[in-house]
Amino acid sequence: MEWSMLLEYGWVLLILIGLEGILAADNALVIATMVRHLPEDKRKKALFYGLAGAFVFRFGSLFLISYLVDIWQVQAIGALYLLGIAGYHLVKKHVLKKEIERQKDNGESKSGFWWTVVKVEAADIAFAVDAILAAVALAVTLPETDLPAIGGLDGGHFIVILLGGIIGLVIMRFAASAFVGLLERRPGLESAAFVIVGWVGVKLAVYTLAHPAVGVIAYEFAKGPIWKGIFWAVLIGIGIVGWLKSKPKEDR
C-alpha cells in the first residue's frame, strides 16, 4: 500500500471504531436491560453468554457479508425482530403495567434464565446485521487493494471491518456491565433503551425498503446524508430525553 492509501485506511478505521462503539453500546444496553431481572449470579452468566453470542454472530456475519447485503429478507427479519421486542417491552411496561405488577407480586412475570439467554442471542443477531451493513457502507468507499477477497469483500476492506468489529466488541464487554449498574440506579432508562432498539429496527426497515429488489424507498435516500443525519439526531434525542426523564432510584 502507498502511504496515502494507508492514511485513508487509518482514518476510516478510526471512524469505524467510533461507529462500532456506538452500535456496540446499543447492543450492550439491550443485553443489560434483558438480564437485569435475574439474580446477580445468573445475570453474570447471562451476560457472558450474550457477549459470547455477540462475538460469534458478528464474526460469522463478516464471512457472510455478500449474503447479508444482497438478501433483503435477512435485513427485514432483523428489523421486525428489533421492532417486535421494543414494542413488546414498551406495551408491557406502560399499557399492561397493573397486570405486570400483579404477576410480579405472584412471582410470575420474569423470564427464566435460558429464555432470557435466547432473547439476548436473537437481539445479537439483529444488531450484528445492522453493524455489518453500516461497516460495509463505510469500508467500500476505500480504494481496493491487491489482497485476496474474503467474504465477497476486498481483503483490505475486510481487515478494516474486522479490526473495527473487534474493538467494538471489546467496548461492548465493558459497556454491558456498566449499563446493568446504570439501569439499577436509573430504572426509568429502560423505556428509553427499548425506544432506541425500535429506532434501530426502523433503520434496518429503511435499508430493507430501499433494497433494489424492493424499491419502496429510494436507495440514494437510505444511503445518503439526510437519512443518516435524521437517524443520529433522533437516536441522540432519545438518549437525552430518556436521561432527563429518569430519576435516580434513591430519589424515588
C-alpha atoms as a PDB file:
ATOM      1  CA  MET A   1       0.000   0.000   0.000  1.00  0.00           C
ATOM      2  CA  GLU A   2       1.074   3.575  -0.627  1.00  0.00           C
ATOM      3  CA  TRP A   3       1.305   5.983   2.306  1.00  0.00           C
ATOM      4  CA  SER A   4      -1.694   7.965   1.083  1.00  0.00           C
ATOM      5  CA  MET A   5      -3.775   4.779   0.983  1.00  0.00           C
ATOM      6  CA  LEU A   6      -2.563   3.761   4.455  1.00  0.00           C
ATOM      7  CA  LEU A   7      -3.600   7.158   5.835  1.00  0.00           C
ATOM      8  CA  GLU A   8      -7.004   6.856   4.180  1.00  0.00           C
ATOM      9  CA  TYR A   9      -7.487   3.360   5.619  1.00  0.00           C
ATOM     10  CA  GLY A  10      -6.341   4.559   9.066  1.00  0.00           C
ATOM     11  CA  TRP A  11      -8.794   7.462   9.036  1.00  0.00           C
ATOM     12  CA  VAL A  12     -11.729   5.250   8.017  1.00  0.00           C
ATOM     13  CA  LEU A  13     -10.710   2.732  10.710  1.00  0.00           C
ATOM     14  CA  LEU A  14     -10.897   5.464  13.368  1.00  0.00           C
ATOM     15  CA  ILE A  15     -14.360   6.490  12.179  1.00  0.00           C
ATOM     16  CA  LEU A  16     -15.441   2.852  12.076  1.00  0.00           C
ATOM     17  CA  ILE A  17     -14.207   2.269  15.632  1.00  0.00           C
ATOM     18  CA  GLY A  18     -16.368   5.173  16.806  1.00  0.00           C
ATOM     19  CA  LEU A  19     -19.364   3.867  14.856  1.00  0.00           C
ATOM     20  CA  GLU A  20     -18.863   0.316  16.122  1.00  0.00           C
ATOM     21  CA  GLY A  21     -18.528   1.653  19.658  1.00  0.00           C
ATOM     22  CA  ILE A  22     -21.917   3.372  19.441  1.00  0.00           C
ATOM     23  CA  LEU A  23     -23.599   0.310  17.912  1.00  0.00           C
ATOM     24  CA  ALA A  24     -21.917  -1.943  20.480  1.00  0.00           C
ATOM     25  CA  ALA A  25     -23.205   0.331  23.233  1.00  0.00           C
ATOM     26  CA  ASP A  26     -26.743  -0.080  21.859  1.00  0.00           C
ATOM     27  CA  ASN A  27     -26.341  -3.867  21.871  1.00  0.00           C
ATOM     28  CA  ALA A  28     -24.848  -3.780  25.380  1.00  0.00           C
ATOM     29  CA  LEU A  29     -27.757  -1.655  26.617  1.00  0.00           C
ATOM     30  CA  VAL A  30     -30.256  -4.199  25.276  1.00  0.00           C
ATOM     31  CA  ILE A  31     -28.365  -7.084  26.904  1.00  0.00           C
ATOM     32  CA  ALA A  32     -28.234  -5.189  30.206  1.00  0.00           C
ATOM     33  CA  THR A  33     -31.980  -4.456  30.063  1.00  0.00           C
ATOM     34  CA  MET A  34     -32.870  -8.062  29.282  1.00  0.00           C
ATOM     35  CA  VAL A  35     -30.796  -9.635  32.081  1.00  0.00           C
ATOM     36  CA  ARG A  36     -31.459  -7.049  34.794  1.00  0.00           C
ATOM     37  CA  HIS A  37     -34.280  -9.061  36.403  1.00  0.00           C
ATOM     38  CA  LEU A  38     -32.079 -12.117  37.029  1.00  0.00           C
ATOM     39  CA  PRO A  39     -30.275 -12.789  40.327  1.00  0.00           C
ATOM     40  CA  GLU A  40     -26.711 -11.461  40.283  1.00  0.00           C
ATOM     41  CA  ASP A  41     -25.010 -14.849  39.803  1.00  0.00           C
ATOM     42  CA  LYS A  42     -27.279 -15.814  36.889  1.00  0.00           C
ATOM     43  CA  ARG A  43     -27.068 -12.282  35.496  1.00  0.00           C
ATOM     44  CA  LYS A  44     -23.291 -12.638  35.135  1.00  0.00           C
ATOM     45  CA  LYS A  45     -23.733 -15.949  33.319  1.00  0.00           C
ATOM     46  CA  ALA A  46     -26.381 -14.479  31.001  1.00  0.00           C
ATOM     47  CA  LEU A  47     -24.095 -11.521  30.264  1.00  0.00           C
ATOM     48  CA  PHE A  48     -21.275 -13.930  29.445  1.00  0.00           C
ATOM     49  CA  TYR A  49     -23.456 -15.978  27.072  1.00  0.00           C
ATOM     50  CA  GLY A  50     -24.866 -12.816  25.500  1.00  0.00           C
ATOM     51  CA  LEU A  51     -21.439 -11.317  24.866  1.00  0.00           C
ATOM     52  CA  ALA A  52     -20.087 -14.642  23.582  1.00  0.00           C
ATOM     53  CA  GLY A  53     -23.033 -14.782  21.207  1.00  0.00           C
ATOM     54  CA  ALA A  54     -22.290 -11.249  20.022  1.00  0.00           C
ATOM     55  CA  PHE A  55     -18.722 -12.301  19.148  1.00  0.00           C
ATOM     56  CA  VAL A  56     -19.897 -15.406  17.274  1.00  0.00           C
ATOM     57  CA  PHE A  57     -22.646 -13.666  15.299  1.00  0.00           C
ATOM     58  CA  ARG A  58     -20.519 -10.618  14.476  1.00  0.00           C
ATOM     59  CA  PHE A  59     -17.619 -12.671  13.124  1.00  0.00           C
ATOM     60  CA  GLY A  60     -19.933 -15.158  11.443  1.00  0.00           C
ATOM     61  CA  SER A  61     -21.709 -12.348   9.646  1.00  0.00           C
ATOM     62  CA  LEU A  62     -18.350 -10.989   8.459  1.00  0.00           C
ATOM     63  CA  PHE A  63     -17.882 -14.119   6.361  1.00  0.00           C
ATOM     64  CA  LEU A  64     -21.453 -13.848   5.046  1.00  0.00           C
ATOM     65  CA  ILE A  65     -21.239 -10.192   4.077  1.00  0.00           C
ATOM     66  CA  SER A  66     -22.220 -10.677   0.444  1.00  0.00           C
ATOM     67  CA  TYR A  67     -25.264 -12.684   1.580  1.00  0.00           C
ATOM     68  CA  LEU A  68     -26.316 -10.092   4.157  1.00  0.00           C
ATOM     69  CA  VAL A  69     -26.003  -7.241   1.686  1.00  0.00           C
ATOM     70  CA  ASP A  70     -27.786  -8.952  -1.212  1.00  0.00           C
ATOM     71  CA  ILE A  71     -30.637 -10.782   0.553  1.00  0.00           C
ATOM     72  CA  TRP A  72     -33.129  -8.186   1.761  1.00  0.00           C
ATOM     73  CA  GLN A  73     -35.120 -10.787   3.732  1.00  0.00           C
ATOM     74  CA  VAL A  74     -32.257 -11.019   6.265  1.00  0.00           C
ATOM     75  CA  GLN A  75     -32.469  -7.275   6.864  1.00  0.00           C
ATOM     76  CA  ALA A  76     -36.279  -7.467   7.086  1.00  0.00           C
ATOM     77  CA  ILE A  77     -36.192 -10.216   9.735  1.00  0.00           C
ATOM     78  CA  GLY A  78     -33.702  -8.206  11.802  1.00  0.00           C
ATOM     79  CA  ALA A  79     -35.894  -5.098  11.538  1.00  0.00           C
ATOM     80  CA  LEU A  80     -39.066  -6.971  12.519  1.00  0.00           C
ATOM     81  CA  TYR A  81     -37.361  -8.599  15.498  1.00  0.00           C
ATOM     82  CA  LEU A  82     -35.986  -5.327  16.885  1.00  0.00           C
ATOM     83  CA  LEU A  83     -39.313  -3.539  16.370  1.00  0.00           C
ATOM     84  CA  GLY A  84     -41.118  -6.509  17.931  1.00  0.00           C
ATOM     85  CA  ILE A  85     -39.072  -6.686  21.136  1.00  0.00           C
ATOM     86  CA  ALA A  86     -39.195  -2.900  21.514  1.00  0.00           C
ATOM     87  CA  GLY A  87     -42.975  -2.828  21.087  1.00  0.00           C
ATOM     88  CA  TYR A  88     -43.483  -5.809  23.395  1.00  0.00           C
ATOM     89  CA  HIS A  89     -41.462  -4.355  26.254  1.00  0.00           C
ATOM     90  CA  LEU A  90     -42.946  -0.848  25.935  1.00  0.00           C
ATOM     91  CA  VAL A  91     -46.537  -2.187  25.860  1.00  0.00           C
ATOM     92  CA  LYS A  92     -45.793  -4.490  28.790  1.00  0.00           C
ATOM     93  CA  LYS A  93     -44.277  -1.673  30.827  1.00  0.00           C
ATOM     94  CA  HIS A  94     -46.731   1.138  30.086  1.00  0.00           C
ATOM     95  CA  VAL A  95     -50.011  -0.415  28.871  1.00  0.00           C
ATOM     96  CA  LEU A  96     -50.114  -3.634  30.904  1.00  0.00           C
ATOM     97  CA  LYS A  97     -48.429  -2.114  33.947  1.00  0.00           C
ATOM     98  CA  LYS A  98     -51.050  -3.195  36.512  1.00  0.00           C
ATOM     99  CA  GLU A  99     -51.151  -6.762  35.222  1.00  0.00           C
ATOM    100  CA  ILE A 100     -47.352  -6.990  35.283  1.00  0.00           C
ATOM    101  CA  GLU A 101     -47.265  -5.696  38.866  1.00  0.00           C
ATOM    102  CA  ARG A 102     -49.824  -8.352  39.840  1.00  0.00           C
ATOM    103  CA  GLN A 103     -47.738 -11.057  38.194  1.00  0.00           C
ATOM    104  CA  LYS A 104     -44.602  -9.690  39.865  1.00  0.00           C
ATOM    105  CA  ASP A 105     -46.279  -9.980  43.269  1.00  0.00           C
ATOM    106  CA  ASN A 106     -47.121 -13.602  42.454  1.00  0.00           C
ATOM    107  CA  GLY A 107     -43.628 -14.287  41.086  1.00  0.00           C
ATOM    108  CA  GLU A 108     -44.960 -14.961  37.552  1.00  0.00           C
ATOM    109  CA  SER A 109     -43.679 -12.141  35.376  1.00  0.00           C
ATOM    110  CA  LYS A 110     -39.955 -12.707  34.899  1.00  0.00           C
ATOM    111  CA  SER A 111     -38.420 -14.781  32.125  1.00  0.00           C
ATOM    112  CA  GLY A 112     -36.361 -17.802  33.127  1.00  0.00           C
ATOM    113  CA  PHE A 113     -32.589 -17.903  32.692  1.00  0.00           C
ATOM    114  CA  TRP A 114     -32.415 -19.832  29.405  1.00  0.00           C
ATOM    115  CA  TRP A 115     -35.334 -17.990  27.810  1.00  0.00           C
ATOM    116  CA  THR A 116     -33.563 -14.747  28.684  1.00  0.00           C
ATOM    117  CA  VAL A 117     -30.379 -16.060  27.009  1.00  0.00           C
ATOM    118  CA  VAL A 118     -32.379 -16.983  23.872  1.00  0.00           C
ATOM    119  CA  LYS A 119     -33.841 -13.467  23.656  1.00  0.00           C
ATOM    120  CA  VAL A 120     -30.409 -11.919  24.126  1.00  0.00           C
ATOM    121  CA  GLU A 121     -28.895 -14.071  21.359  1.00  0.00           C
ATOM    122  CA  ALA A 122     -31.723 -13.171  18.960  1.00  0.00           C
ATOM    123  CA  ALA A 123     -31.073  -9.479  19.639  1.00  0.00           C
ATOM    124  CA  ASP A 124     -27.353 -10.103  18.992  1.00  0.00           C
ATOM    125  CA  ILE A 125     -28.149 -11.462  15.529  1.00  0.00           C
ATOM    126  CA  ALA A 126     -30.265  -8.438  14.607  1.00  0.00           C
ATOM    127  CA  PHE A 127     -27.634  -5.990  15.868  1.00  0.00           C
ATOM    128  CA  ALA A 128     -24.880  -7.909  14.048  1.00  0.00           C
ATOM    129  CA  VAL A 129     -26.745  -7.419  10.749  1.00  0.00           C
ATOM    130  CA  ASP A 130     -27.117  -3.689  11.424  1.00  0.00           C
ATOM    131  CA  ALA A 131     -23.484  -3.236  12.466  1.00  0.00           C
ATOM    132  CA  ILE A 132     -22.074  -5.142   9.490  1.00  0.00           C
ATOM    133  CA  LEU A 133     -24.240  -3.264   6.985  1.00  0.00           C
ATOM    134  CA  ALA A 134     -23.099   0.056   8.476  1.00  0.00           C
ATOM    135  CA  ALA A 135     -19.436  -1.033   8.431  1.00  0.00           C
ATOM    136  CA  VAL A 136     -19.621  -2.262   4.833  1.00  0.00           C
ATOM    137  CA  ALA A 137     -21.193   1.004   3.706  1.00  0.00           C
ATOM    138  CA  LEU A 138     -18.211   2.848   5.174  1.00  0.00           C
ATOM    139  CA  ALA A 139     -15.442   0.441   4.089  1.00  0.00           C
ATOM    140  CA  VAL A 140     -16.476   0.140   0.434  1.00  0.00           C
ATOM    141  CA  THR A 141     -15.651   3.827  -0.071  1.00  0.00           C
ATOM    142  CA  LEU A 142     -11.959   2.920   0.358  1.00  0.00           C
ATOM    143  CA  PRO A 143      -9.734   2.146  -2.642  1.00  0.00           C
ATOM    144  CA  GLU A 144      -9.299  -1.558  -3.418  1.00  0.00           C
ATOM    145  CA  THR A 145      -6.072  -3.396  -2.571  1.00  0.00           C
ATOM    146  CA  ASP A 146      -4.159  -6.346  -4.020  1.00  0.00           C
ATOM    147  CA  LEU A 147      -5.158  -8.560  -1.084  1.00  0.00           C
ATOM    148  CA  PRO A 148      -7.364 -11.596  -1.868  1.00  0.00           C
ATOM    149  CA  ALA A 149     -11.125 -11.138  -1.443  1.00  0.00           C
ATOM    150  CA  ILE A 150     -12.751 -12.521   1.721  1.00  0.00           C
ATOM    151  CA  GLY A 151     -16.496 -12.973   2.176  1.00  0.00           C
ATOM    152  CA  GLY A 152     -17.196 -11.141  -1.060  1.00  0.00           C
ATOM    153  CA  LEU A 153     -15.139  -8.119   0.022  1.00  0.00           C
ATOM    154  CA  ASP A 154     -11.731  -6.780  -0.956  1.00  0.00           C
ATOM    155  CA  GLY A 155      -9.162  -8.095   1.538  1.00  0.00           C
ATOM    156  CA  GLY A 156      -8.230  -4.609   2.721  1.00  0.00           C
ATOM    157  CA  HIS A 157     -11.870  -3.677   3.293  1.00  0.00           C
ATOM    158  CA  PHE A 158     -12.419  -6.915   5.217  1.00  0.00           C
ATOM    159  CA  ILE A 159      -9.446  -6.246   7.525  1.00  0.00           C
ATOM    160  CA  VAL A 160     -10.686  -2.731   8.337  1.00  0.00           C
ATOM    161  CA  ILE A 161     -14.181  -4.043   9.169  1.00  0.00           C
ATOM    162  CA  LEU A 162     -12.701  -6.892  11.234  1.00  0.00           C
ATOM    163  CA  LEU A 163     -10.496  -4.565  13.315  1.00  0.00           C
ATOM    164  CA  GLY A 164     -13.373  -2.137  13.875  1.00  0.00           C
ATOM    165  CA  GLY A 165     -15.635  -5.002  14.919  1.00  0.00           C
ATOM    166  CA  ILE A 166     -13.116  -6.439  17.391  1.00  0.00           C
ATOM    167  CA  ILE A 167     -12.658  -3.077  19.086  1.00  0.00           C
ATOM    168  CA  GLY A 168     -16.429  -2.514  19.126  1.00  0.00           C
ATOM    169  CA  LEU A 169     -16.954  -5.854  20.858  1.00  0.00           C
ATOM    170  CA  VAL A 170     -14.288  -5.021  23.451  1.00  0.00           C
ATOM    171  CA  ILE A 171     -16.214  -1.816  24.149  1.00  0.00           C
ATOM    172  CA  MET A 172     -19.410  -3.895  24.473  1.00  0.00           C
ATOM    173  CA  ARG A 173     -17.742  -6.174  27.028  1.00  0.00           C
ATOM    174  CA  PHE A 174     -17.185  -3.279  29.423  1.00  0.00           C
ATOM    175  CA  ALA A 175     -20.312  -1.327  28.473  1.00  0.00           C
ATOM    176  CA  ALA A 176     -22.740  -4.169  29.264  1.00  0.00           C
ATOM    177  CA  SER A 177     -21.672  -4.421  32.924  1.00  0.00           C
ATOM    178  CA  ALA A 178     -21.714  -0.624  33.248  1.00  0.00           C
ATOM    179  CA  PHE A 179     -25.232  -0.429  31.784  1.00  0.00           C
ATOM    180  CA  VAL A 180     -26.553  -3.035  34.227  1.00  0.00           C
ATOM    181  CA  GLY A 181     -25.368  -0.813  37.077  1.00  0.00           C
ATOM    182  CA  LEU A 182     -26.796   2.296  35.398  1.00  0.00           C
ATOM    183  CA  LEU A 183     -30.216   0.656  34.945  1.00  0.00           C
ATOM    184  CA  GLU A 184     -30.156  -0.374  38.600  1.00  0.00           C
ATOM    185  CA  ARG A 185     -29.585   3.266  39.578  1.00  0.00           C
ATOM    186  CA  ARG A 186     -31.965   4.748  36.971  1.00  0.00           C
ATOM    187  CA  PRO A 187     -34.730   2.187  36.159  1.00  0.00           C
ATOM    188  CA  GLY A 188     -36.527   4.789  34.049  1.00  0.00           C
ATOM    189  CA  LEU A 189     -33.851   4.429  31.366  1.00  0.00           C
ATOM    190  CA  GLU A 190     -35.238   1.002  30.480  1.00  0.00           C
ATOM    191  CA  SER A 191     -38.014   2.516  28.340  1.00  0.00           C
ATOM    192  CA  ALA A 192     -35.530   4.754  26.516  1.00  0.00           C
ATOM    193  CA  ALA A 193     -33.354   1.708  25.860  1.00  0.00           C
ATOM    194  CA  PHE A 194     -36.173  -0.109  24.094  1.00  0.00           C
ATOM    195  CA  VAL A 195     -37.180   3.001  22.149  1.00  0.00           C
ATOM    196  CA  ILE A 196     -33.567   3.036  20.863  1.00  0.00           C
ATOM    197  CA  VAL A 197     -33.922  -0.655  19.946  1.00  0.00           C
ATOM    198  CA  GLY A 198     -37.075   0.159  17.980  1.00  0.00           C
ATOM    199  CA  TRP A 199     -35.357   3.070  16.235  1.00  0.00           C
ATOM    200  CA  VAL A 200     -32.500   0.805  15.134  1.00  0.00           C
ATOM    201  CA  GLY A 201     -35.228  -1.525  13.827  1.00  0.00           C
ATOM    202  CA  VAL A 202     -36.626   1.397  11.815  1.00  0.00           C
ATOM    203  CA  LYS A 203     -33.148   1.951  10.376  1.00  0.00           C
ATOM    204  CA  LEU A 204     -32.962  -1.674   9.228  1.00  0.00           C
ATOM    205  CA  ALA A 205     -36.503  -1.368   7.810  1.00  0.00           C
ATOM    206  CA  VAL A 206     -35.415   1.663   5.748  1.00  0.00           C
ATOM    207  CA  TYR A 207     -32.468  -0.352   4.381  1.00  0.00           C
ATOM    208  CA  THR A 208     -34.880  -3.166   3.518  1.00  0.00           C
ATOM    209  CA  LEU A 209     -37.369  -0.910   1.735  1.00  0.00           C
ATOM    210  CA  ALA A 210     -34.518   0.759  -0.178  1.00  0.00           C
ATOM    211  CA  HIS A 211     -33.087  -2.550  -1.398  1.00  0.00           C
ATOM    212  CA  PRO A 212     -33.093  -2.682  -5.237  1.00  0.00           C
ATOM    213  CA  ALA A 213     -35.296  -5.811  -5.121  1.00  0.00           C
ATOM    214  CA  VAL A 214     -37.928  -3.967  -3.046  1.00  0.00           C
ATOM    215  CA  GLY A 215     -37.594  -0.372  -4.256  1.00  0.00           C
ATOM    216  CA  VAL A 216     -40.214   1.253  -1.992  1.00  0.00           C
ATOM    217  CA  ILE A 217     -37.728   3.920  -0.824  1.00  0.00           C
ATOM    218  CA  ALA A 218     -35.027   5.457  -2.989  1.00  0.00           C
ATOM    219  CA  TYR A 219     -31.684   3.691  -2.454  1.00  0.00           C
ATOM    220  CA  GLU A 220     -29.890   7.057  -2.525  1.00  0.00           C
ATOM    221  CA  PHE A 221     -32.023   8.287   0.401  1.00  0.00           C
ATOM    222  CA  ALA A 222     -31.261   5.263   2.621  1.00  0.00           C
ATOM    223  CA  LYS A 223     -27.529   5.656   1.998  1.00  0.00           C
ATOM    224  CA  GLY A 224     -27.486   9.451   1.891  1.00  0.00           C
ATOM    225  CA  PRO A 225     -26.558  12.107   4.470  1.00  0.00           C
ATOM    226  CA  ILE A 226     -30.145  13.283   5.104  1.00  0.00           C
ATOM    227  CA  TRP A 227     -31.365   9.924   6.451  1.00  0.00           C
ATOM    228  CA  LYS A 228     -28.121   9.376   8.377  1.00  0.00           C
ATOM    229  CA  GLY A 229     -28.463  12.813   9.950  1.00  0.00           C
ATOM    230  CA  ILE A 230     -32.094  12.130  10.898  1.00  0.00           C
ATOM    231  CA  PHE A 231     -31.186   8.740  12.379  1.00  0.00           C
ATOM    232  CA  TRP A 232     -28.355  10.001  14.587  1.00  0.00           C
ATOM    233  CA  ALA A 233     -30.237  13.149  15.649  1.00  0.00           C
ATOM    234  CA  VAL A 234     -33.246  11.086  16.777  1.00  0.00           C
ATOM    235  CA  LEU A 235     -31.021   8.489  18.469  1.00  0.00           C
ATOM    236  CA  ILE A 236     -29.187  11.150  20.473  1.00  0.00           C
ATOM    237  CA  GLY A 237     -32.502  12.861  21.245  1.00  0.00           C
ATOM    238  CA  ILE A 238     -33.974   9.632  22.634  1.00  0.00           C
ATOM    239  CA  GLY A 239     -30.944   9.207  24.871  1.00  0.00           C
ATOM    240  CA  ILE A 240     -31.106  12.781  26.167  1.00  0.00           C
ATOM    241  CA  VAL A 241     -34.872  12.707  26.825  1.00  0.00           C
ATOM    242  CA  GLY A 242     -34.582   9.290  28.478  1.00  0.00           C
ATOM    243  CA  TRP A 243     -31.840  10.537  30.778  1.00  0.00           C
ATOM    244  CA  LEU A 244     -33.722  13.717  31.717  1.00  0.00           C
ATOM    245  CA  LYS A 245     -36.985  11.863  32.427  1.00  0.00           C
ATOM    246  CA  SER A 246     -35.382   9.104  34.502  1.00  0.00           C
ATOM    247  CA  LYS A 247     -34.667   9.688  38.173  1.00  0.00           C
ATOM    248  CA  PRO A 248     -32.083   8.022  40.381  1.00  0.00           C
ATOM    249  CA  LYS A 249     -33.596   5.126  42.299  1.00  0.00           C
ATOM    250  CA  GLU A 250     -32.759   6.602  45.674  1.00  0.00           C
ATOM    251  CA  ASP A 251     -34.829   9.718  44.910  1.00  0.00           C
ATOM    252  CA  ARG A 252     -37.989   7.741  44.350  1.00  0.00           C
END
